[in-house]
Amino acid sequence: MRFIGNIEAKADCKGRVFLPVCFRRILQAAGCEKIMLRKDVFQDCLVLYPEDSWNEQLNLLRSRLDRWNAKHQMIFRQFVADVEELSIDSNGRILLHKRYMNMAGIEQEVRFIGMYDTIEIWAKNRAEKPFMNPEDFCCELEKIMTNKEGGENE
């Protein structure tokens, strides 16, 4: 599954928001019935994981953590404790509980951002936060794509 795009929407007073049609179609085509929601680890946004993507991330994390290491167990616990399984209702909406909306600073207006295998949900007033200014973006992208810093892509 590959999600791309930047789409605005509004949550109603109960926290229901329409998942953009382009993202719903991708999920339906893949036969995805469950999506997982959690707050992003680094940013003040929410992340929707299709079940398969969530399972891949969870398996990767579990494989890198030692079950007999107390700190590793705390990391794993914290990662999975704030996850909620969501379903898309017959009208194409998902329900964002108040607790998650508060975590991301969402009041009513949101922006969905497709991030390849996940979908981010941002408060519209914070939706410029995850982006670089155009000059820095061009410079950093050039470095990555041409390996000027001897990066990981060699």
C-alpha atoms as a PDB file:
ATOM      1  CA  MET A   1       0.000   0.000   0.000  1.00  0.00           C
ATOM      2  CA  ARG A   2       1.257   3.413  -0.906  1.00  0.00           C
ATOM      3  CA  PHE A   3      -0.471   6.465   0.463  1.00  0.00           C
ATOM      4  CA  ILE A   4       0.393   9.864  -0.967  1.00  0.00           C
ATOM      5  CA  GLY A   5      -1.310  13.209  -0.761  1.00  0.00           C
ATOM      6  CA  ASN A   6      -2.212  16.027   1.569  1.00  0.00           C
ATOM      7  CA  ILE A   7      -5.961  16.312   2.209  1.00  0.00           C
ATOM      8  CA  GLU A   8      -7.929  18.516   4.608  1.00  0.00           C
ATOM      9  CA  ALA A   9     -11.023  17.397   6.513  1.00  0.00           C
ATOM     10  CA  LYS A  10     -13.084  18.293   9.587  1.00  0.00           C
ATOM     11  CA  ALA A  11     -13.926  16.217  12.621  1.00  0.00           C
ATOM     12  CA  ASP A  12     -17.454  16.505  13.946  1.00  0.00           C
ATOM     13  CA  CYS A  13     -18.274  17.172  17.619  1.00  0.00           C
ATOM     14  CA  LYS A  14     -17.971  13.438  18.403  1.00  0.00           C
ATOM     15  CA  GLY A  15     -14.533  13.142  16.782  1.00  0.00           C
ATOM     16  CA  ARG A  16     -15.701  11.404  13.627  1.00  0.00           C
ATOM     17  CA  VAL A  17     -13.812  12.358  10.505  1.00  0.00           C
ATOM     18  CA  PHE A  18     -14.122  11.166   6.918  1.00  0.00           C
ATOM     19  CA  LEU A  19     -11.083   9.211   5.823  1.00  0.00           C
ATOM     20  CA  PRO A  20     -10.210  10.638   2.391  1.00  0.00           C
ATOM     21  CA  VAL A  21     -11.673   8.599  -0.456  1.00  0.00           C
ATOM     22  CA  CYS A  22      -8.285   8.078  -2.121  1.00  0.00           C
ATOM     23  CA  PHE A  23      -6.962   6.434   1.076  1.00  0.00           C
ATOM     24  CA  ARG A  24     -10.127   4.368   1.599  1.00  0.00           C
ATOM     25  CA  ARG A  25      -9.843   2.993  -1.927  1.00  0.00           C
ATOM     26  CA  ILE A  26      -6.270   1.859  -1.303  1.00  0.00           C
ATOM     27  CA  LEU A  27      -7.293   0.132   1.928  1.00  0.00           C
ATOM     28  CA  GLN A  28     -10.300  -1.523   0.260  1.00  0.00           C
ATOM     29  CA  ALA A  29      -8.238  -2.704  -2.721  1.00  0.00           C
ATOM     30  CA  ALA A  30      -5.779  -4.330  -0.317  1.00  0.00           C
ATOM     31  CA  GLY A  31      -8.617  -5.974   1.625  1.00  0.00           C
ATOM     32  CA  CYS A  32      -7.587  -4.131   4.780  1.00  0.00           C
ATOM     33  CA  GLU A  33     -10.336  -4.246   7.376  1.00  0.00           C
ATOM     34  CA  LYS A  34      -8.453  -2.985  10.432  1.00  0.00           C
ATOM     35  CA  ILE A  35      -6.376   0.122  10.923  1.00  0.00           C
ATOM     36  CA  MET A  36      -4.342   0.948  13.977  1.00  0.00           C
ATOM     37  CA  LEU A  37      -4.011   4.429  15.458  1.00  0.00           C
ATOM     38  CA  ARG A  38      -1.256   5.767  17.684  1.00  0.00           C
ATOM     39  CA  LYS A  39       0.457   9.052  18.351  1.00  0.00           C
ATOM     40  CA  ASP A  40       3.649   9.483  16.357  1.00  0.00           C
ATOM     41  CA  VAL A  41       6.845   8.862  18.290  1.00  0.00           C
ATOM     42  CA  PHE A  42       8.573  12.053  17.062  1.00  0.00           C
ATOM     43  CA  GLN A  43       5.874  14.512  15.996  1.00  0.00           C
ATOM     44  CA  ASP A  44       2.634  15.900  17.420  1.00  0.00           C
ATOM     45  CA  CYS A  45       0.424  13.995  15.015  1.00  0.00           C
ATOM     46  CA  LEU A  46      -1.506  10.742  14.874  1.00  0.00           C
ATOM     47  CA  VAL A  47      -0.543   7.858  12.613  1.00  0.00           C
ATOM     48  CA  LEU A  48      -2.886   5.373  10.955  1.00  0.00           C
ATOM     49  CA  TYR A  49      -1.307   2.016  10.161  1.00  0.00           C
ATOM     50  CA  PRO A  50      -3.050  -0.516   7.945  1.00  0.00           C
ATOM     51  CA  GLU A  51      -3.009  -3.791   9.875  1.00  0.00           C
ATOM     52  CA  ASP A  52      -0.249  -5.323   7.716  1.00  0.00           C
ATOM     53  CA  SER A  53       1.997  -2.264   8.087  1.00  0.00           C
ATOM     54  CA  TRP A  54       1.385  -2.205  11.836  1.00  0.00           C
ATOM     55  CA  ASN A  55       2.284  -5.893  12.137  1.00  0.00           C
ATOM     56  CA  GLU A  56       5.497  -5.347  10.153  1.00  0.00           C
ATOM     57  CA  GLN A  57       6.516  -2.447  12.406  1.00  0.00           C
ATOM     58  CA  LEU A  58       5.633  -4.366  15.544  1.00  0.00           C
ATOM     59  CA  ASN A  59       7.592  -7.437  14.400  1.00  0.00           C
ATOM     60  CA  LEU A  60      10.599  -5.272  13.516  1.00  0.00           C
ATOM     61  CA  LEU A  61      10.550  -3.546  16.892  1.00  0.00           C
ATOM     62  CA  ARG A  62      10.069  -6.814  18.788  1.00  0.00           C
ATOM     63  CA  SER A  63      12.987  -8.393  16.902  1.00  0.00           C
ATOM     64  CA  ARG A  64      15.294  -5.573  18.018  1.00  0.00           C
ATOM     65  CA  LEU A  65      14.286  -5.681  21.668  1.00  0.00           C
ATOM     66  CA  ASP A  66      15.391  -8.200  24.271  1.00  0.00           C
ATOM     67  CA  ARG A  67      12.435  -9.546  26.215  1.00  0.00           C
ATOM     68  CA  TRP A  68      14.725 -10.023  29.233  1.00  0.00           C
ATOM     69  CA  ASN A  69      15.927  -6.419  29.274  1.00  0.00           C
ATOM     70  CA  ALA A  70      13.772  -4.244  31.549  1.00  0.00           C
ATOM     71  CA  LYS A  71      14.327  -1.051  29.552  1.00  0.00           C
ATOM     72  CA  HIS A  72      13.486  -2.826  26.291  1.00  0.00           C
ATOM     73  CA  GLN A  73      10.269  -4.123  27.838  1.00  0.00           C
ATOM     74  CA  MET A  74       9.354  -0.597  28.915  1.00  0.00           C
ATOM     75  CA  ILE A  75       9.990   0.683  25.378  1.00  0.00           C
ATOM     76  CA  PHE A  76       7.825  -2.041  23.863  1.00  0.00           C
ATOM     77  CA  ARG A  77       5.081  -1.507  26.439  1.00  0.00           C
ATOM     78  CA  GLN A  78       5.009   2.224  25.803  1.00  0.00           C
ATOM     79  CA  PHE A  79       4.928   1.706  22.029  1.00  0.00           C
ATOM     80  CA  VAL A  80       1.953  -0.666  22.102  1.00  0.00           C
ATOM     81  CA  ALA A  81       0.032   0.788  25.067  1.00  0.00           C
ATOM     82  CA  ASP A  82      -1.276   3.817  23.188  1.00  0.00           C
ATOM     83  CA  VAL A  83      -2.529   1.933  20.156  1.00  0.00           C
ATOM     84  CA  GLU A  84      -6.165   1.674  19.250  1.00  0.00           C
ATOM     85  CA  GLU A  85      -7.749  -0.502  16.590  1.00  0.00           C
ATOM     86  CA  LEU A  86     -10.152   1.505  14.442  1.00  0.00           C
ATOM     87  CA  SER A  87     -12.731   0.539  11.893  1.00  0.00           C
ATOM     88  CA  ILE A  88     -14.116   2.596   9.069  1.00  0.00           C
ATOM     89  CA  ASP A  89     -17.882   2.993   9.391  1.00  0.00           C
ATOM     90  CA  SER A  90     -20.326   2.550   6.508  1.00  0.00           C
ATOM     91  CA  ASN A  91     -20.086   6.297   5.779  1.00  0.00           C
ATOM     92  CA  GLY A  92     -16.291   6.196   5.442  1.00  0.00           C
ATOM     93  CA  ARG A  93     -15.547   7.788   8.815  1.00  0.00           C
ATOM     94  CA  ILE A  94     -13.174   6.904  11.606  1.00  0.00           C
ATOM     95  CA  LEU A  95     -13.633   7.904  15.226  1.00  0.00           C
ATOM     96  CA  LEU A  96     -10.802   9.815  16.876  1.00  0.00           C
ATOM     97  CA  HIS A  97     -11.318   9.607  20.621  1.00  0.00           C
ATOM     98  CA  LYS A  98     -10.817  12.809  22.587  1.00  0.00           C
ATOM     99  CA  ARG A  99      -7.628  11.504  24.187  1.00  0.00           C
ATOM    100  CA  TYR A 100      -5.956  11.099  20.781  1.00  0.00           C
ATOM    101  CA  MET A 101      -7.229  14.439  19.553  1.00  0.00           C
ATOM    102  CA  ASN A 102      -5.715  16.063  22.644  1.00  0.00           C
ATOM    103  CA  MET A 103      -2.377  14.290  22.069  1.00  0.00           C
ATOM    104  CA  ALA A 104      -2.150  15.816  18.596  1.00  0.00           C
ATOM    105  CA  GLY A 105      -3.730  19.186  19.397  1.00  0.00           C
ATOM    106  CA  ILE A 106      -6.649  18.481  17.075  1.00  0.00           C
ATOM    107  CA  GLU A 107      -9.749  20.581  17.610  1.00  0.00           C
ATOM    108  CA  GLN A 108     -11.796  20.212  14.445  1.00  0.00           C
ATOM    109  CA  GLU A 109      -9.853  20.793  11.229  1.00  0.00           C
ATOM    110  CA  VAL A 110      -7.335  18.114  10.283  1.00  0.00           C
ATOM    111  CA  ARG A 111      -4.945  17.362   7.488  1.00  0.00           C
ATOM    112  CA  PHE A 112      -4.280  13.814   6.313  1.00  0.00           C
ATOM    113  CA  ILE A 113      -0.799  13.276   4.895  1.00  0.00           C
ATOM    114  CA  GLY A 114      -0.007  10.051   3.038  1.00  0.00           C
ATOM    115  CA  MET A 115       3.363   8.722   4.175  1.00  0.00           C
ATOM    116  CA  TYR A 116       3.854   5.704   1.900  1.00  0.00           C
ATOM    117  CA  ASP A 117       2.672   2.860   4.158  1.00  0.00           C
ATOM    118  CA  THR A 118       0.985   4.994   6.837  1.00  0.00           C
ATOM    119  CA  ILE A 119      -1.282   8.028   7.022  1.00  0.00           C
ATOM    120  CA  GLU A 120      -0.559  10.928   9.349  1.00  0.00           C
ATOM    121  CA  ILE A 121      -3.339  13.033  10.851  1.00  0.00           C
ATOM    122  CA  TRP A 122      -2.319  16.571  11.805  1.00  0.00           C
ATOM    123  CA  ALA A 123      -4.178  19.408  13.431  1.00  0.00           C
ATOM    124  CA  LYS A 124      -4.596  21.827  10.530  1.00  0.00           C
ATOM    125  CA  ASN A 125      -2.989  24.647  12.516  1.00  0.00           C
ATOM    126  CA  ARG A 126       0.123  22.468  12.986  1.00  0.00           C
ATOM    127  CA  ALA A 127       0.203  20.991   9.488  1.00  0.00           C
ATOM    128  CA  GLU A 128       3.154  23.071   8.295  1.00  0.00           C
ATOM    129  CA  LYS A 129       5.302  21.834  11.194  1.00  0.00           C
ATOM    130  CA  PRO A 130       6.470  18.579   9.552  1.00  0.00           C
ATOM    131  CA  PHE A 131       7.810  20.334   6.457  1.00  0.00           C
ATOM    132  CA  MET A 132      11.197  21.892   5.750  1.00  0.00           C
ATOM    133  CA  ASN A 133      11.611  25.196   4.009  1.00  0.00           C
ATOM    134  CA  PRO A 134      12.038  24.639   0.235  1.00  0.00           C
ATOM    135  CA  GLU A 135      15.753  25.523   0.142  1.00  0.00           C
ATOM    136  CA  ASP A 136      16.680  23.124   2.959  1.00  0.00           C
ATOM    137  CA  PHE A 137      14.494  20.432   1.416  1.00  0.00           C
ATOM    138  CA  CYS A 138      16.249  20.684  -1.955  1.00  0.00           C
ATOM    139  CA  CYS A 139      19.691  20.676  -0.356  1.00  0.00           C
ATOM    140  CA  GLU A 140      19.001  17.682   1.911  1.00  0.00           C
ATOM    141  CA  LEU A 141      17.284  15.700  -0.843  1.00  0.00           C
ATOM    142  CA  GLU A 142      20.252  16.294  -3.151  1.00  0.00           C
ATOM    143  CA  LYS A 143      22.654  15.047  -0.459  1.00  0.00           C
ATOM    144  CA  ILE A 144      20.608  11.923   0.117  1.00  0.00           C
ATOM    145  CA  MET A 145      20.103  11.103  -3.538  1.00  0.00           C
ATOM    146  CA  THR A 146      23.714  11.749  -4.540  1.00  0.00           C
ATOM    147  CA  ASN A 147      25.286  10.281  -1.365  1.00  0.00           C
ATOM    148  CA  LYS A 148      27.294  13.458  -0.763  1.00  0.00           C
ATOM    149  CA  GLU A 149      27.425  12.722   2.956  1.00  0.00           C
ATOM    150  CA  GLY A 150      28.408   9.098   2.511  1.00  0.00           C
ATOM    151  CA  GLY A 151      24.956   8.143   3.753  1.00  0.00           C
ATOM    152  CA  GLU A 152      23.249   4.826   4.204  1.00  0.00           C
ATOM    153  CA  ASN A 153      22.304   4.468   0.523  1.00  0.00           C
ATOM    154  CA  GLU A 154      25.740   3.360  -0.638  1.00  0.00           C
END
